[in-house]
Amino acid sequence: MHQTLWILAIGTLCFRLIGPFWAGSSRLTPRWQALISDATIVLLCALAVVSSVMDGHQFAGWARPIGVLIGMVLTLWKAPFPVIVIAAAGATAGLRYLGLS
């Protein structure tokens, strides 16, 4: 497990160091730009789902996904960001207080 984390850390550092040099010297086709943009969105959504449902290697319980769902609904309703964060965290904390882990 630790070896994988080191490899990911070194790979990320290499991408961050090489990125500024490579960005100015190459041109991507519009198709590749769209593909990279879509891949970024998919990866971020997958990370959000895993982070909201899992706690380490175990299911996080129902309170956290319900809090995330409340945050998503408020985002779709275009609520102010502080309201979204407070409502999602408050709902999660309230559900945990009521015994729904």
PDB file of N, CA and C in Angstrom:
ATOM      1  N   MET A   1       0.833  -1.198   0.000  1.00  0.00           N
ATOM      2  CA  MET A   1       0.000   0.000   0.000  1.00  0.00           C
ATOM      3  C   MET A   1       0.872   1.254   0.000  1.00  0.00           C
ATOM      4  N   HIS A   2       1.907   1.277   0.845  1.00  0.00           N
ATOM      5  CA  HIS A   2       2.747   2.469   0.930  1.00  0.00           C
ATOM      6  C   HIS A   2       3.535   2.687  -0.356  1.00  0.00           C
ATOM      7  N   GLN A   3       3.921   1.582  -1.017  1.00  0.00           N
ATOM      8  CA  GLN A   3       4.645   1.696  -2.266  1.00  0.00           C
ATOM      9  C   GLN A   3       3.779   2.382  -3.330  1.00  0.00           C
ATOM     10  N   THR A   4       2.508   2.033  -3.378  1.00  0.00           N
ATOM     11  CA  THR A   4       1.594   2.651  -4.333  1.00  0.00           C
ATOM     12  C   THR A   4       1.458   4.147  -4.068  1.00  0.00           C
ATOM     13  N   LEU A   5       1.363   4.533  -2.807  1.00  0.00           N
ATOM     14  CA  LEU A   5       1.249   5.948  -2.473  1.00  0.00           C
ATOM     15  C   LEU A   5       2.491   6.719  -2.887  1.00  0.00           C
ATOM     16  N   TRP A   6       3.663   6.131  -2.697  1.00  0.00           N
ATOM     17  CA  TRP A   6       4.901   6.791  -3.116  1.00  0.00           C
ATOM     18  C   TRP A   6       4.942   6.966  -4.631  1.00  0.00           C
ATOM     19  N   ILE A   7       4.530   5.938  -5.362  1.00  0.00           N
ATOM     20  CA  ILE A   7       4.523   6.022  -6.823  1.00  0.00           C
ATOM     21  C   ILE A   7       3.562   7.120  -7.285  1.00  0.00           C
ATOM     22  N   LEU A   8       2.369   7.177  -6.675  1.00  0.00           N
ATOM     23  CA  LEU A   8       1.413   8.228  -7.026  1.00  0.00           C
ATOM     24  C   LEU A   8       1.953   9.611  -6.688  1.00  0.00           C
ATOM     25  N   ALA A   9       2.627   9.740  -5.546  1.00  0.00           N
ATOM     26  CA  ALA A   9       3.178  11.034  -5.143  1.00  0.00           C
ATOM     27  C   ALA A   9       4.267  11.487  -6.106  1.00  0.00           C
ATOM     28  N   ILE A  10       5.151  10.583  -6.490  1.00  0.00           N
ATOM     29  CA  ILE A  10       6.228  10.936  -7.419  1.00  0.00           C
ATOM     30  C   ILE A  10       5.653  11.268  -8.795  1.00  0.00           C
ATOM     31  N   GLY A  11       4.661  10.475  -9.252  1.00  0.00           N
ATOM     32  CA  GLY A  11       4.028  10.756 -10.537  1.00  0.00           C
ATOM     33  C   GLY A  11       3.346  12.111 -10.555  1.00  0.00           C
ATOM     34  N   THR A  12       2.641  12.438  -9.470  1.00  0.00           N
ATOM     35  CA  THR A  12       1.974  13.735  -9.375  1.00  0.00           C
ATOM     36  C   THR A  12       2.986  14.874  -9.400  1.00  0.00           C
ATOM     37  N   LEU A  13       4.077  14.719  -8.673  1.00  0.00           N
ATOM     38  CA  LEU A  13       5.123  15.745  -8.656  1.00  0.00           C
ATOM     39  C   LEU A  13       5.716  15.931 -10.048  1.00  0.00           C
ATOM     40  N   CYS A  14       5.966  14.836 -10.760  1.00  0.00           N
ATOM     41  CA  CYS A  14       6.513  14.929 -12.119  1.00  0.00           C
ATOM     42  C   CYS A  14       5.549  15.673 -13.042  1.00  0.00           C
ATOM     43  N   PHE A  15       4.263  15.352 -12.964  1.00  0.00           N
ATOM     44  CA  PHE A  15       3.286  16.051 -13.794  1.00  0.00           C
ATOM     45  C   PHE A  15       3.252  17.541 -13.469  1.00  0.00           C
ATOM     46  N   ARG A  16       3.355  17.877 -12.194  1.00  0.00           N
ATOM     47  CA  ARG A  16       3.316  19.296 -11.809  1.00  0.00           C
ATOM     48  C   ARG A  16       4.556  20.038 -12.298  1.00  0.00           C
ATOM     49  N   LEU A  17       5.711  19.363 -12.293  1.00  0.00           N
ATOM     50  CA  LEU A  17       6.932  20.014 -12.741  1.00  0.00           C
ATOM     51  C   LEU A  17       6.997  20.132 -14.265  1.00  0.00           C
ATOM     52  N   ILE A  18       6.522  19.117 -14.974  1.00  0.00           N
ATOM     53  CA  ILE A  18       6.597  19.095 -16.429  1.00  0.00           C
ATOM     54  C   ILE A  18       5.472  19.916 -17.065  1.00  0.00           C
ATOM     55  N   GLY A  19       4.335  20.034 -16.405  1.00  0.00           N
ATOM     56  CA  GLY A  19       3.157  20.695 -16.965  1.00  0.00           C
ATOM     57  C   GLY A  19       3.390  22.061 -17.565  1.00  0.00           C
ATOM     58  N   PRO A  20       4.001  23.001 -16.828  1.00  0.00           N
ATOM     59  CA  PRO A  20       4.190  24.341 -17.405  1.00  0.00           C
ATOM     60  C   PRO A  20       5.067  24.348 -18.658  1.00  0.00           C
ATOM     61  N   PHE A  21       6.063  23.473 -18.722  1.00  0.00           N
ATOM     62  CA  PHE A  21       6.928  23.427 -19.894  1.00  0.00           C
ATOM     63  C   PHE A  21       6.214  22.826 -21.095  1.00  0.00           C
ATOM     64  N   TRP A  22       5.394  21.807 -20.848  1.00  0.00           N
ATOM     65  CA  TRP A  22       4.721  21.094 -21.927  1.00  0.00           C
ATOM     66  C   TRP A  22       3.517  21.882 -22.452  1.00  0.00           C
ATOM     67  N   ALA A  23       2.866  22.634 -21.583  1.00  0.00           N
ATOM     68  CA  ALA A  23       1.635  23.335 -21.963  1.00  0.00           C
ATOM     69  C   ALA A  23       1.865  24.335 -23.083  1.00  0.00           C
ATOM     70  N   GLY A  24       2.966  25.031 -23.065  1.00  0.00           N
ATOM     71  CA  GLY A  24       3.209  26.044 -24.086  1.00  0.00           C
ATOM     72  C   GLY A  24       3.758  25.493 -25.380  1.00  0.00           C
ATOM     73  N   SER A  25       4.298  24.281 -25.359  1.00  0.00           N
ATOM     74  CA  SER A  25       4.976  23.775 -26.545  1.00  0.00           C
ATOM     75  C   SER A  25       4.136  22.830 -27.389  1.00  0.00           C
ATOM     76  N   SER A  26       2.992  22.410 -26.915  1.00  0.00           N
ATOM     77  CA  SER A  26       2.208  21.454 -27.692  1.00  0.00           C
ATOM     78  C   SER A  26       0.770  21.928 -27.825  1.00  0.00           C
ATOM     79  N   ARG A  27       0.152  21.483 -28.894  1.00  0.00           N
ATOM     80  CA  ARG A  27      -1.246  21.816 -29.140  1.00  0.00           C
ATOM     81  C   ARG A  27      -2.046  20.522 -29.201  1.00  0.00           C
ATOM     82  N   LEU A  28      -3.135  20.491 -28.492  1.00  0.00           N
ATOM     83  CA  LEU A  28      -4.024  19.329 -28.537  1.00  0.00           C
ATOM     84  C   LEU A  28      -5.180  19.629 -29.479  1.00  0.00           C
ATOM     85  N   THR A  29      -5.644  18.601 -30.144  1.00  0.00           N
ATOM     86  CA  THR A  29      -6.799  18.779 -31.019  1.00  0.00           C
ATOM     87  C   THR A  29      -8.035  19.036 -30.162  1.00  0.00           C
ATOM     88  N   PRO A  30      -9.055  19.650 -30.721  1.00  0.00           N
ATOM     89  CA  PRO A  30     -10.273  19.886 -29.937  1.00  0.00           C
ATOM     90  C   PRO A  30     -10.875  18.595 -29.378  1.00  0.00           C
ATOM     91  N   ARG A  31     -10.734  17.502 -30.125  1.00  0.00           N
ATOM     92  CA  ARG A  31     -11.262  16.224 -29.636  1.00  0.00           C
ATOM     93  C   ARG A  31     -10.536  15.776 -28.370  1.00  0.00           C
ATOM     94  N   TRP A  32      -9.195  15.896 -28.358  1.00  0.00           N
ATOM     95  CA  TRP A  32      -8.434  15.513 -27.165  1.00  0.00           C
ATOM     96  C   TRP A  32      -8.728  16.459 -25.995  1.00  0.00           C
ATOM     97  N   GLN A  33      -8.877  17.742 -26.278  1.00  0.00           N
ATOM     98  CA  GLN A  33      -9.210  18.693 -25.218  1.00  0.00           C
ATOM     99  C   GLN A  33     -10.543  18.344 -24.581  1.00  0.00           C
ATOM    100  N   ALA A  34     -11.531  17.981 -25.397  1.00  0.00           N
ATOM    101  CA  ALA A  34     -12.842  17.598 -24.871  1.00  0.00           C
ATOM    102  C   ALA A  34     -12.733  16.302 -24.067  1.00  0.00           C
ATOM    103  N   LEU A  35     -11.940  15.355 -24.556  1.00  0.00           N
ATOM    104  CA  LEU A  35     -11.760  14.089 -23.850  1.00  0.00           C
ATOM    105  C   LEU A  35     -11.106  14.301 -22.495  1.00  0.00           C
ATOM    106  N   ILE A  36     -10.086  15.131 -22.439  1.00  0.00           N
ATOM    107  CA  ILE A  36      -9.402  15.402 -21.172  1.00  0.00           C
ATOM    108  C   ILE A  36     -10.333  16.131 -20.217  1.00  0.00           C
ATOM    109  N   SER A  37     -11.120  17.064 -20.733  1.00  0.00           N
ATOM    110  CA  SER A  37     -12.084  17.776 -19.898  1.00  0.00           C
ATOM    111  C   SER A  37     -13.124  16.821 -19.316  1.00  0.00           C
ATOM    112  N   ASP A  38     -13.653  15.938 -20.151  1.00  0.00           N
ATOM    113  CA  ASP A  38     -14.642  14.955 -19.678  1.00  0.00           C
ATOM    114  C   ASP A  38     -14.028  13.989 -18.671  1.00  0.00           C
ATOM    115  N   ALA A  39     -12.800  13.560 -18.926  1.00  0.00           N
ATOM    116  CA  ALA A  39     -12.134  12.634 -18.014  1.00  0.00           C
ATOM    117  C   ALA A  39     -11.921  13.285 -16.648  1.00  0.00           C
ATOM    118  N   THR A  40     -11.603  14.561 -16.644  1.00  0.00           N
ATOM    119  CA  THR A  40     -11.418  15.279 -15.379  1.00  0.00           C
ATOM    120  C   THR A  40     -12.712  15.306 -14.578  1.00  0.00           C
ATOM    121  N   ILE A  41     -13.816  15.581 -15.247  1.00  0.00           N
ATOM    122  CA  ILE A  41     -15.110  15.627 -14.566  1.00  0.00           C
ATOM    123  C   ILE A  41     -15.476  14.254 -14.015  1.00  0.00           C
ATOM    124  N   VAL A  42     -15.250  13.215 -14.806  1.00  0.00           N
ATOM    125  CA  VAL A  42     -15.567  11.853 -14.361  1.00  0.00           C
ATOM    126  C   VAL A  42     -14.724  11.471 -13.147  1.00  0.00           C
ATOM    127  N   LEU A  43     -13.429  11.787 -13.172  1.00  0.00           N
ATOM    128  CA  LEU A  43     -12.558  11.455 -12.042  1.00  0.00           C
ATOM    129  C   LEU A  43     -12.960  12.207 -10.773  1.00  0.00           C
ATOM    130  N   LEU A  44     -13.301  13.487 -10.915  1.00  0.00           N
ATOM    131  CA  LEU A  44     -13.724  14.255  -9.742  1.00  0.00           C
ATOM    132  C   LEU A  44     -15.041  13.735  -9.173  1.00  0.00           C
ATOM    133  N   CYS A  45     -15.974  13.362 -10.045  1.00  0.00           N
ATOM    134  CA  CYS A  45     -17.243  12.790  -9.574  1.00  0.00           C
ATOM    135  C   CYS A  45     -17.016  11.451  -8.878  1.00  0.00           C
ATOM    136  N   ALA A  46     -16.152  10.621  -9.441  1.00  0.00           N
ATOM    137  CA  ALA A  46     -15.844   9.332  -8.805  1.00  0.00           C
ATOM    138  C   ALA A  46     -15.203   9.535  -7.443  1.00  0.00           C
ATOM    139  N   LEU A  47     -14.299  10.504  -7.341  1.00  0.00           N
ATOM    140  CA  LEU A  47     -13.671  10.803  -6.059  1.00  0.00           C
ATOM    141  C   LEU A  47     -14.706  11.280  -5.044  1.00  0.00           C
ATOM    142  N   ALA A  48     -15.630  12.128  -5.480  1.00  0.00           N
ATOM    143  CA  ALA A  48     -16.670  12.625  -4.577  1.00  0.00           C
ATOM    144  C   ALA A  48     -17.567  11.492  -4.087  1.00  0.00           C
ATOM    145  N   VAL A  49     -17.929  10.588  -4.983  1.00  0.00           N
ATOM    146  CA  VAL A  49     -18.799   9.466  -4.595  1.00  0.00           C
ATOM    147  C   VAL A  49     -18.085   8.563  -3.600  1.00  0.00           C
ATOM    148  N   VAL A  50     -16.853   8.200  -3.904  1.00  0.00           N
ATOM    149  CA  VAL A  50     -16.108   7.310  -2.998  1.00  0.00           C
ATOM    150  C   VAL A  50     -15.887   7.978  -1.655  1.00  0.00           C
ATOM    151  N   SER A  51     -15.547   9.260  -1.658  1.00  0.00           N
ATOM    152  CA  SER A  51     -15.308   9.966  -0.394  1.00  0.00           C
ATOM    153  C   SER A  51     -16.565  10.100   0.448  1.00  0.00           C
ATOM    154  N   SER A  52     -17.712  10.204  -0.207  1.00  0.00           N
ATOM    155  CA  SER A  52     -18.947  10.383   0.562  1.00  0.00           C
ATOM    156  C   SER A  52     -19.541   9.066   1.028  1.00  0.00           C
ATOM    157  N   VAL A  53     -19.175   7.964   0.410  1.00  0.00           N
ATOM    158  CA  VAL A  53     -19.774   6.675   0.754  1.00  0.00           C
ATOM    159  C   VAL A  53     -18.840   5.803   1.592  1.00  0.00           C
ATOM    160  N   MET A  54     -17.534   5.954   1.402  1.00  0.00           N
ATOM    161  CA  MET A  54     -16.582   5.077   2.082  1.00  0.00           C
ATOM    162  C   MET A  54     -15.797   5.835   3.148  1.00  0.00           C
ATOM    163  N   ASP A  55     -15.460   5.119   4.210  1.00  0.00           N
ATOM    164  CA  ASP A  55     -14.587   5.633   5.259  1.00  0.00           C
ATOM    165  C   ASP A  55     -13.466   4.614   5.405  1.00  0.00           C
ATOM    166  N   GLY A  56     -12.361   4.854   4.724  1.00  0.00           N
ATOM    167  CA  GLY A  56     -11.311   3.846   4.655  1.00  0.00           C
ATOM    168  C   GLY A  56     -11.767   2.721   3.745  1.00  0.00           C
ATOM    169  N   HIS A  57     -11.845   1.512   4.310  1.00  0.00           N
ATOM    170  CA  HIS A  57     -12.305   0.354   3.542  1.00  0.00           C
ATOM    171  C   HIS A  57     -13.719  -0.054   3.927  1.00  0.00           C
ATOM    172  N   GLN A  58     -14.401   0.764   4.715  1.00  0.00           N
ATOM    173  CA  GLN A  58     -15.733   0.411   5.197  1.00  0.00           C
ATOM    174  C   GLN A  58     -16.758   1.442   4.735  1.00  0.00           C
ATOM    175  N   PHE A  59     -18.007   0.993   4.715  1.00  0.00           N
ATOM    176  CA  PHE A  59     -19.116   1.887   4.395  1.00  0.00           C
ATOM    177  C   PHE A  59     -19.208   2.963   5.469  1.00  0.00           C
ATOM    178  N   ALA A  60     -19.362   4.199   5.069  1.00  0.00           N
ATOM    179  CA  ALA A  60     -19.351   5.325   6.008  1.00  0.00           C
ATOM    180  C   ALA A  60     -20.649   5.454   6.795  1.00  0.00           C
ATOM    181  N   GLY A  61     -21.667   4.717   6.442  1.00  0.00           N
ATOM    182  CA  GLY A  61     -22.964   4.876   7.081  1.00  0.00           C
ATOM    183  C   GLY A  61     -23.847   5.770   6.232  1.00  0.00           C
ATOM    184  N   TRP A  62     -25.100   5.870   6.607  1.00  0.00           N
ATOM    185  CA  TRP A  62     -26.064   6.602   5.786  1.00  0.00           C
ATOM    186  C   TRP A  62     -26.063   8.105   6.030  1.00  0.00           C
ATOM    187  N   ALA A  63     -25.554   8.561   7.151  1.00  0.00           N
ATOM    188  CA  ALA A  63     -25.610   9.991   7.459  1.00  0.00           C
ATOM    189  C   ALA A  63     -24.781  10.819   6.465  1.00  0.00           C
ATOM    190  N   ARG A  64     -23.590  10.364   6.153  1.00  0.00           N
ATOM    191  CA  ARG A  64     -22.727  11.133   5.253  1.00  0.00           C
ATOM    192  C   ARG A  64     -23.304  11.229   3.839  1.00  0.00           C
ATOM    193  N   PRO A  65     -23.721  10.115   3.202  1.00  0.00           N
ATOM    194  CA  PRO A  65     -24.306  10.267   1.860  1.00  0.00           C
ATOM    195  C   PRO A  65     -25.572  11.118   1.833  1.00  0.00           C
ATOM    196  N   ILE A  66     -26.379  11.057   2.903  1.00  0.00           N
ATOM    197  CA  ILE A  66     -27.579  11.900   2.957  1.00  0.00           C
ATOM    198  C   ILE A  66     -27.176  13.370   3.057  1.00  0.00           C
ATOM    199  N   GLY A  67     -26.146  13.678   3.843  1.00  0.00           N
ATOM    200  CA  GLY A  67     -25.646  15.050   3.928  1.00  0.00           C
ATOM    201  C   GLY A  67     -25.128  15.547   2.595  1.00  0.00           C
ATOM    202  N   VAL A  68     -24.407  14.688   1.868  1.00  0.00           N
ATOM    203  CA  VAL A  68     -23.915  15.058   0.536  1.00  0.00           C
ATOM    204  C   VAL A  68     -25.081  15.290  -0.414  1.00  0.00           C
ATOM    205  N   LEU A  69     -26.095  14.450  -0.338  1.00  0.00           N
ATOM    206  CA  LEU A  69     -27.275  14.616  -1.184  1.00  0.00           C
ATOM    207  C   LEU A  69     -27.970  15.946  -0.896  1.00  0.00           C
ATOM    208  N   ILE A  70     -28.069  16.305   0.364  1.00  0.00           N
ATOM    209  CA  ILE A  70     -28.667  17.602   0.719  1.00  0.00           C
ATOM    210  C   ILE A  70     -27.833  18.742   0.140  1.00  0.00           C
ATOM    211  N   GLY A  71     -26.510  18.616   0.229  1.00  0.00           N
ATOM    212  CA  GLY A  71     -25.635  19.624  -0.366  1.00  0.00           C
ATOM    213  C   GLY A  71     -25.806  19.726  -1.877  1.00  0.00           C
ATOM    214  N   MET A  72     -25.974  18.575  -2.535  1.00  0.00           N
ATOM    215  CA  MET A  72     -26.174  18.583  -3.989  1.00  0.00           C
ATOM    216  C   MET A  72     -27.488  19.263  -4.359  1.00  0.00           C
ATOM    217  N   VAL A  73     -28.544  18.971  -3.608  1.00  0.00           N
ATOM    218  CA  VAL A  73     -29.846  19.588  -3.901  1.00  0.00           C
ATOM    219  C   VAL A  73     -29.765  21.098  -3.710  1.00  0.00           C
ATOM    220  N   LEU A  74     -29.132  21.532  -2.637  1.00  0.00           N
ATOM    221  CA  LEU A  74     -28.997  22.972  -2.404  1.00  0.00           C
ATOM    222  C   LEU A  74     -28.137  23.633  -3.476  1.00  0.00           C
ATOM    223  N   THR A  75     -27.145  22.902  -3.975  1.00  0.00           N
ATOM    224  CA  THR A  75     -26.327  23.432  -5.069  1.00  0.00           C
ATOM    225  C   THR A  75     -27.159  23.610  -6.325  1.00  0.00           C
ATOM    226  N   LEU A  76     -28.009  22.632  -6.623  1.00  0.00           N
ATOM    227  CA  LEU A  76     -28.878  22.755  -7.798  1.00  0.00           C
ATOM    228  C   LEU A  76     -29.867  23.907  -7.649  1.00  0.00           C
ATOM    229  N   TRP A  77     -30.255  24.191  -6.416  1.00  0.00           N
ATOM    230  CA  TRP A  77     -31.158  25.314  -6.156  1.00  0.00           C
ATOM    231  C   TRP A  77     -30.416  26.636  -6.094  1.00  0.00           C
ATOM    232  N   LYS A  78     -29.095  26.594  -6.319  1.00  0.00           N
ATOM    233  CA  LYS A  78     -28.238  27.789  -6.331  1.00  0.00           C
ATOM    234  C   LYS A  78     -28.230  28.527  -4.988  1.00  0.00           C
ATOM    235  N   ALA A  79     -28.185  27.764  -3.918  1.00  0.00           N
ATOM    236  CA  ALA A  79     -28.073  28.367  -2.581  1.00  0.00           C
ATOM    237  C   ALA A  79     -26.644  28.896  -2.394  1.00  0.00           C
ATOM    238  N   PRO A  80     -26.464  29.880  -1.527  1.00  0.00           N
ATOM    239  CA  PRO A  80     -25.107  30.379  -1.249  1.00  0.00           C
ATOM    240  C   PRO A  80     -24.240  29.273  -0.642  1.00  0.00           C
ATOM    241  N   PHE A  81     -22.944  29.310  -0.961  1.00  0.00           N
ATOM    242  CA  PHE A  81     -22.035  28.252  -0.531  1.00  0.00           C
ATOM    243  C   PHE A  81     -22.031  28.040   0.984  1.00  0.00           C
ATOM    244  N   PRO A  82     -21.976  29.097   1.810  1.00  0.00           N
ATOM    245  CA  PRO A  82     -22.003  28.844   3.258  1.00  0.00           C
ATOM    246  C   PRO A  82     -23.272  28.114   3.708  1.00  0.00           C
ATOM    247  N   VAL A  83     -24.397  28.416   3.090  1.00  0.00           N
ATOM    248  CA  VAL A  83     -25.650  27.736   3.424  1.00  0.00           C
ATOM    249  C   VAL A  83     -25.553  26.256   3.069  1.00  0.00           C
ATOM    250  N   ILE A  84     -24.973  25.961   1.918  1.00  0.00           N
ATOM    251  CA  ILE A  84     -24.818  24.574   1.486  1.00  0.00           C
ATOM    252  C   ILE A  84     -23.969  23.794   2.480  1.00  0.00           C
ATOM    253  N   VAL A  85     -22.824  24.352   2.838  1.00  0.00           N
ATOM    254  CA  VAL A  85     -21.898  23.661   3.745  1.00  0.00           C
ATOM    255  C   VAL A  85     -22.524  23.462   5.118  1.00  0.00           C
ATOM    256  N   ILE A  86     -23.133  24.499   5.659  1.00  0.00           N
ATOM    257  CA  ILE A  86     -23.730  24.404   6.996  1.00  0.00           C
ATOM    258  C   ILE A  86     -24.905  23.430   7.004  1.00  0.00           C
ATOM    259  N   ALA A  87     -25.728  23.467   5.960  1.00  0.00           N
ATOM    260  CA  ALA A  87     -26.880  22.559   5.907  1.00  0.00           C
ATOM    261  C   ALA A  87     -26.444  21.108   5.762  1.00  0.00           C
ATOM    262  N   ALA A  88     -25.465  20.844   4.897  1.00  0.00           N
ATOM    263  CA  ALA A  88     -24.996  19.466   4.696  1.00  0.00           C
ATOM    264  C   ALA A  88     -24.321  18.935   5.955  1.00  0.00           C
ATOM    265  N   ALA A  89     -23.460  19.747   6.557  1.00  0.00           N
ATOM    266  CA  ALA A  89     -22.780  19.307   7.785  1.00  0.00           C
ATOM    267  C   ALA A  89     -23.778  19.174   8.935  1.00  0.00           C
ATOM    268  N   GLY A  90     -24.716  20.098   9.019  1.00  0.00           N
ATOM    269  CA  GLY A  90     -25.724  20.028  10.078  1.00  0.00           C
ATOM    270  C   GLY A  90     -26.622  18.816   9.935  1.00  0.00           C
ATOM    271  N   ALA A  91     -27.012  18.503   8.708  1.00  0.00           N
ATOM    272  CA  ALA A  91     -27.854  17.320   8.479  1.00  0.00           C
ATOM    273  C   ALA A  91     -27.095  16.050   8.848  1.00  0.00           C
ATOM    274  N   THR A  92     -25.825  15.978   8.450  1.00  0.00           N
ATOM    275  CA  THR A  92     -25.013  14.801   8.775  1.00  0.00           C
ATOM    276  C   THR A  92     -24.840  14.665  10.284  1.00  0.00           C
ATOM    277  N   ALA A  93     -24.517  15.768  10.939  1.00  0.00           N
ATOM    278  CA  ALA A  93     -24.340  15.727  12.393  1.00  0.00           C
ATOM    279  C   ALA A  93     -25.650  15.385  13.096  1.00  0.00           C
ATOM    280  N   GLY A  94     -26.763  15.958  12.620  1.00  0.00           N
ATOM    281  CA  GLY A  94     -28.056  15.665  13.232  1.00  0.00           C
ATOM    282  C   GLY A  94     -28.458  14.205  13.081  1.00  0.00           C
ATOM    283  N   LEU A  95     -28.214  13.645  11.908  1.00  0.00           N
ATOM    284  CA  LEU A  95     -28.530  12.229  11.697  1.00  0.00           C
ATOM    285  C   LEU A  95     -27.656  11.331  12.563  1.00  0.00           C
ATOM    286  N   ARG A  96     -26.391  11.702  12.695  1.00  0.00           N
ATOM    287  CA  ARG A  96     -25.516  10.905  13.576  1.00  0.00           C
ATOM    288  C   ARG A  96     -25.941  11.036  15.027  1.00  0.00           C
ATOM    289  N   TYR A  97     -26.387  12.203  15.428  1.00  0.00           N
ATOM    290  CA  TYR A  97     -26.867  12.409  16.801  1.00  0.00           C
ATOM    291  C   TYR A  97     -28.107  11.545  17.059  1.00  0.00           C
ATOM    292  N   LEU A  98     -28.946  11.389  16.037  1.00  0.00           N
ATOM    293  CA  LEU A  98     -30.156  10.585  16.178  1.00  0.00           C
ATOM    294  C   LEU A  98     -29.873   9.085  16.078  1.00  0.00           C
ATOM    295  N   GLY A  99     -28.617   8.720  15.837  1.00  0.00           N
ATOM    296  CA  GLY A  99     -28.245   7.306  15.830  1.00  0.00           C
ATOM    297  C   GLY A  99     -28.074   6.686  14.463  1.00  0.00           C
ATOM    298  N   LEU A 100     -28.254   7.465  13.420  1.00  0.00           N
ATOM    299  CA  LEU A 100     -28.050   6.941  12.066  1.00  0.00           C
ATOM    300  C   LEU A 100     -26.596   7.203  11.706  1.00  0.00           C
ATOM    301  N   SER A 101     -25.787   6.167  11.798  1.00  0.00           N
ATOM    302  CA  SER A 101     -24.338   6.364  11.578  1.00  0.00           C
ATOM    303  C   SER A 101     -24.036   6.560  10.180  1.00  0.00           C
TER     304      SER A 101
END
